[in-house]
C-alpha atoms as a PDB file:
ATOM      1  CA  MET A   1      95.535 102.296 124.456  1.00  0.00           C
ATOM      2  CA  MET A   2      97.937 101.185 121.736  1.00  0.00           C
ATOM      3  CA  LYS A   3      99.048  97.559 122.024  1.00  0.00           C
ATOM      4  CA  ILE A   4     101.981  96.588 119.826  1.00  0.00           C
ATOM      5  CA  GLY A   5     103.380  93.096 119.390  1.00  0.00           C
ATOM      6  CA  PHE A   6     107.007  92.425 118.510  1.00  0.00           C
ATOM      7  CA  SER A   7     108.903  89.480 117.067  1.00  0.00           C
ATOM      8  CA  GLY A   8     112.534  89.346 116.028  1.00  0.00           C
ATOM      9  CA  THR A   9     115.599  87.237 115.481  1.00  0.00           C
ATOM     10  CA  GLN A  10     117.369  85.590 118.397  1.00  0.00           C
ATOM     11  CA  ASP A  11     120.621  86.751 116.780  1.00  0.00           C
ATOM     12  CA  GLY A  12     119.717  90.336 117.646  1.00  0.00           C
ATOM     13  CA  MET A  13     118.836  93.317 115.505  1.00  0.00           C
ATOM     14  CA  THR A  14     121.206  95.176 113.233  1.00  0.00           C
ATOM     15  CA  ASP A  15     122.028  98.764 114.192  1.00  0.00           C
ATOM     16  CA  PRO A  16     119.744 100.054 111.386  1.00  0.00           C
ATOM     17  CA  GLN A  17     116.876  97.875 112.729  1.00  0.00           C
ATOM     18  CA  LYS A  18     117.362  99.257 116.246  1.00  0.00           C
ATOM     19  CA  SER A  19     117.413 102.823 114.932  1.00  0.00           C
ATOM     20  CA  THR A  20     114.227 102.290 112.916  1.00  0.00           C
ATOM     21  CA  LEU A  21     112.460 100.689 115.893  1.00  0.00           C
ATOM     22  CA  ARG A  22     113.402 103.713 118.038  1.00  0.00           C
ATOM     23  CA  ASP A  23     111.963 106.003 115.343  1.00  0.00           C
ATOM     24  CA  LEU A  24     108.726 103.978 115.093  1.00  0.00           C
ATOM     25  CA  LEU A  25     108.171 103.925 118.867  1.00  0.00           C
ATOM     26  CA  ALA A  26     109.362 107.465 119.670  1.00  0.00           C
ATOM     27  CA  GLY A  27     106.860 109.539 121.575  1.00  0.00           C
ATOM     28  CA  GLY A  28     104.390 106.702 121.831  1.00  0.00           C
ATOM     29  CA  SER A  29     102.706 105.035 124.727  1.00  0.00           C
ATOM     30  CA  GLY A  30     100.765 101.894 125.490  1.00  0.00           C
ATOM     31  CA  GLU A  31     101.782  98.263 125.745  1.00  0.00           C
ATOM     32  CA  PHE A  32     104.688  96.597 123.963  1.00  0.00           C
ATOM     33  CA  HIS A  33     104.421  92.783 123.950  1.00  0.00           C
ATOM     34  CA  HIS A  34     107.360  90.486 123.218  1.00  0.00           C
ATOM     35  CA  GLY A  35     108.443  86.890 123.781  1.00  0.00           C
ATOM     36  CA  ASP A  36     111.271  87.436 126.299  1.00  0.00           C
ATOM     37  CA  CYS A  37     113.966  85.774 124.202  1.00  0.00           C
ATOM     38  CA  ILE A  38     117.603  86.641 123.747  1.00  0.00           C
ATOM     39  CA  GLY A  39     118.472  88.882 120.831  1.00  0.00           C
ATOM     40  CA  ALA A  40     115.875  91.164 119.277  1.00  0.00           C
ATOM     41  CA  ASP A  41     113.224  90.742 122.007  1.00  0.00           C
ATOM     42  CA  SER A  42     115.649  91.816 124.707  1.00  0.00           C
ATOM     43  CA  GLU A  43     116.952  94.733 122.628  1.00  0.00           C
ATOM     44  CA  ALA A  44     113.403  95.861 121.761  1.00  0.00           C
ATOM     45  CA  HIS A  45     112.486  95.677 125.470  1.00  0.00           C
ATOM     46  CA  ASP A  46     115.012  98.405 126.301  1.00  0.00           C
ATOM     47  CA  ILE A  47     114.007 100.564 123.323  1.00  0.00           C
ATOM     48  CA  ALA A  48     110.299 100.306 124.190  1.00  0.00           C
ATOM     49  CA  ILE A  49     110.910 101.350 127.796  1.00  0.00           C
ATOM     50  CA  LEU A  50     113.040 104.314 126.695  1.00  0.00           C
ATOM     51  CA  CYS A  51     110.192 105.354 124.379  1.00  0.00           C
ATOM     52  CA  GLY A  52     107.631 105.260 127.197  1.00  0.00           C
ATOM     53  CA  TYR A  53     105.891 101.915 126.673  1.00  0.00           C
ATOM     54  CA  THR A  54     104.800  99.426 129.313  1.00  0.00           C
ATOM     55  CA  VAL A  55     106.369  96.075 128.436  1.00  0.00           C
ATOM     56  CA  VAL A  56     104.350  92.844 128.622  1.00  0.00           C
ATOM     57  CA  LEU A  57     106.242  89.538 128.503  1.00  0.00           C
ATOM     58  CA  HIS A  58     105.075  86.311 126.863  1.00  0.00           C
ATOM     59  CA  PRO A  59     107.835  83.933 128.039  1.00  0.00           C
ATOM     60  CA  PRO A  60     108.585  80.576 126.421  1.00  0.00           C
ATOM     61  CA  THR A  61     108.375  77.280 128.311  1.00  0.00           C
ATOM     62  CA  ASN A  62     111.846  76.364 127.021  1.00  0.00           C
ATOM     63  CA  PRO A  63     114.273  78.528 129.048  1.00  0.00           C
ATOM     64  CA  THR A  64     117.408  77.970 126.927  1.00  0.00           C
ATOM     65  CA  LYS A  65     116.965  81.123 124.828  1.00  0.00           C
ATOM     66  CA  ARG A  66     114.968  83.148 127.312  1.00  0.00           C
ATOM     67  CA  ALA A  67     116.218  86.661 128.112  1.00  0.00           C
ATOM     68  CA  TRP A  68     114.702  86.740 131.620  1.00  0.00           C
ATOM     69  CA  ARG A  69     113.761  90.428 131.359  1.00  0.00           C
ATOM     70  CA  ASP A  70     112.161  91.887 134.447  1.00  0.00           C
ATOM     71  CA  VAL A  71     108.654  93.339 134.570  1.00  0.00           C
ATOM     72  CA  PRO A  72     106.060  93.440 137.356  1.00  0.00           C
ATOM     73  CA  GLN A  73     104.344  90.071 137.819  1.00  0.00           C
ATOM     74  CA  HIS A  74     100.997  91.306 136.464  1.00  0.00           C
ATOM     75  CA  LEU A  75     102.727  92.059 133.131  1.00  0.00           C
ATOM     76  CA  LYS A  76     104.031  88.493 132.695  1.00  0.00           C
ATOM     77  CA  ARG A  77     101.871  86.049 130.803  1.00  0.00           C
ATOM     78  CA  ALA A  78     101.988  82.291 131.424  1.00  0.00           C
ATOM     79  CA  GLN A  79     104.904  80.395 129.910  1.00  0.00           C
ATOM     80  CA  LYS A  80     103.937  78.643 126.687  1.00  0.00           C
ATOM     81  CA  PRO A  81     105.697  76.869 123.801  1.00  0.00           C
ATOM     82  CA  TYR A  82     107.319  79.275 121.321  1.00  0.00           C
ATOM     83  CA  LEU A  83     104.763  79.081 118.523  1.00  0.00           C
ATOM     84  CA  VAL A  84     101.785  79.215 120.912  1.00  0.00           C
ATOM     85  CA  ARG A  85     103.050  82.275 122.766  1.00  0.00           C
ATOM     86  CA  ASN A  86     103.847  83.969 119.403  1.00  0.00           C
ATOM     87  CA  LYS A  87     100.184  83.583 118.456  1.00  0.00           C
ATOM     88  CA  ASP A  88      99.203  85.003 121.861  1.00  0.00           C
ATOM     89  CA  ILE A  89     101.333  88.083 121.175  1.00  0.00           C
ATOM     90  CA  VAL A  90      99.459  88.643 117.904  1.00  0.00           C
ATOM     91  CA  THR A  91      96.050  87.929 119.452  1.00  0.00           C
ATOM     92  CA  GLU A  92      96.568  90.364 122.347  1.00  0.00           C
ATOM     93  CA  THR A  93      97.821  93.270 120.238  1.00  0.00           C
ATOM     94  CA  ALA A  94      96.517  95.570 117.508  1.00  0.00           C
ATOM     95  CA  SER A  95      99.594  95.411 115.275  1.00  0.00           C
ATOM     96  CA  LEU A  96     102.923  93.642 114.904  1.00  0.00           C
ATOM     97  CA  ILE A  97     106.429  94.964 114.391  1.00  0.00           C
ATOM     98  CA  ALA A  98     108.879  92.305 113.193  1.00  0.00           C
ATOM     99  CA  ALA A  99     112.656  92.491 112.857  1.00  0.00           C
ATOM    100  CA  PRO A 100     113.664  89.370 110.912  1.00  0.00           C
ATOM    101  CA  ALA A 101     117.242  88.262 110.290  1.00  0.00           C
ATOM    102  CA  ASP A 102     116.525  87.756 106.591  1.00  0.00           C
ATOM    103  CA  PRO A 103     114.734  90.239 104.301  1.00  0.00           C
ATOM    104  CA  VAL A 104     113.137  87.338 102.397  1.00  0.00           C
ATOM    105  CA  GLU A 105     110.401  85.274 104.041  1.00  0.00           C
ATOM    106  CA  GLN A 106     111.637  81.998 105.537  1.00  0.00           C
ATOM    107  CA  LEU A 107     109.515  78.931 106.238  1.00  0.00           C
ATOM    108  CA  ARG A 108     111.395  77.696 109.306  1.00  0.00           C
ATOM    109  CA  SER A 109     111.501  80.917 111.271  1.00  0.00           C
ATOM    110  CA  GLY A 110     109.525  81.861 114.368  1.00  0.00           C
ATOM    111  CA  THR A 111     109.549  85.515 113.366  1.00  0.00           C
ATOM    112  CA  TRP A 112     108.236  84.833 109.869  1.00  0.00           C
ATOM    113  CA  SER A 113     105.655  82.385 111.252  1.00  0.00           C
ATOM    114  CA  THR A 114     104.418  85.142 113.560  1.00  0.00           C
ATOM    115  CA  VAL A 115     104.245  87.574 110.626  1.00  0.00           C
ATOM    116  CA  ARG A 116     102.178  85.077 108.609  1.00  0.00           C
ATOM    117  CA  PHE A 117      99.799  84.544 111.542  1.00  0.00           C
ATOM    118  CA  ALA A 118      99.351  88.311 112.043  1.00  0.00           C
ATOM    119  CA  ARG A 119      98.573  88.775 108.349  1.00  0.00           C
ATOM    120  CA  GLN A 120      96.070  85.895 108.443  1.00  0.00           C
ATOM    121  CA  ARG A 121      94.367  87.668 111.351  1.00  0.00           C
ATOM    122  CA  GLY A 122      94.235  90.924 109.392  1.00  0.00           C
ATOM    123  CA  LYS A 123      96.606  92.741 111.742  1.00  0.00           C
ATOM    124  CA  PRO A 124      98.853  95.500 110.387  1.00  0.00           C
ATOM    125  CA  VAL A 125     102.469  94.316 110.138  1.00  0.00           C
ATOM    126  CA  LEU A 126     105.572  96.479 109.883  1.00  0.00           C
ATOM    127  CA  LEU A 127     108.704  94.600 108.874  1.00  0.00           C
ATOM    128  CA  ILE A 128     111.979  96.263 109.794  1.00  0.00           C
ATOM    129  CA  LEU A 129     114.422  94.717 107.348  1.00  0.00           C
ATOM    130  CA  PRO A 130     118.104  94.260 108.281  1.00  0.00           C
ATOM    131  CA  ASP A 131     119.037  97.444 106.376  1.00  0.00           C
ATOM    132  CA  GLY A 132     116.522  99.416 108.481  1.00  0.00           C
ATOM    133  CA  THR A 133     113.912  99.922 105.773  1.00  0.00           C
ATOM    134  CA  VAL A 134     110.274  99.355 106.699  1.00  0.00           C
ATOM    135  CA  LYS A 135     108.031  97.158 104.601  1.00  0.00           C
ATOM    136  CA  ARG A 136     104.337  96.490 105.158  1.00  0.00           C
END
């Protein structure tokens, strides 16, 4: 079964990013893991369900930016600090899709930190840049 991790900006995805994510997930199946935050995670949740994926949540301990998306209890992981749960998303999945706010890598960004961790672990990473283009 395909297990895909996702990380994205709390500001939400651009329309081209959403369109590209729909194209990447179309006709697929398996698990789609995200961090249950406002913005891109919440938007990706809906897209993944429409494309036939089972969504698995990795919620943060800090509730201020949590999206509170609903999934069956067995698909919710334990609440953890942001950076810890981001590593869990990478560890539990075969690949990562990231939708960063900035097309250039940023040091103080949870999304970019998750991308760096996935690359260190040798996981395939697809970056969906704000203009909708995909970069590996």
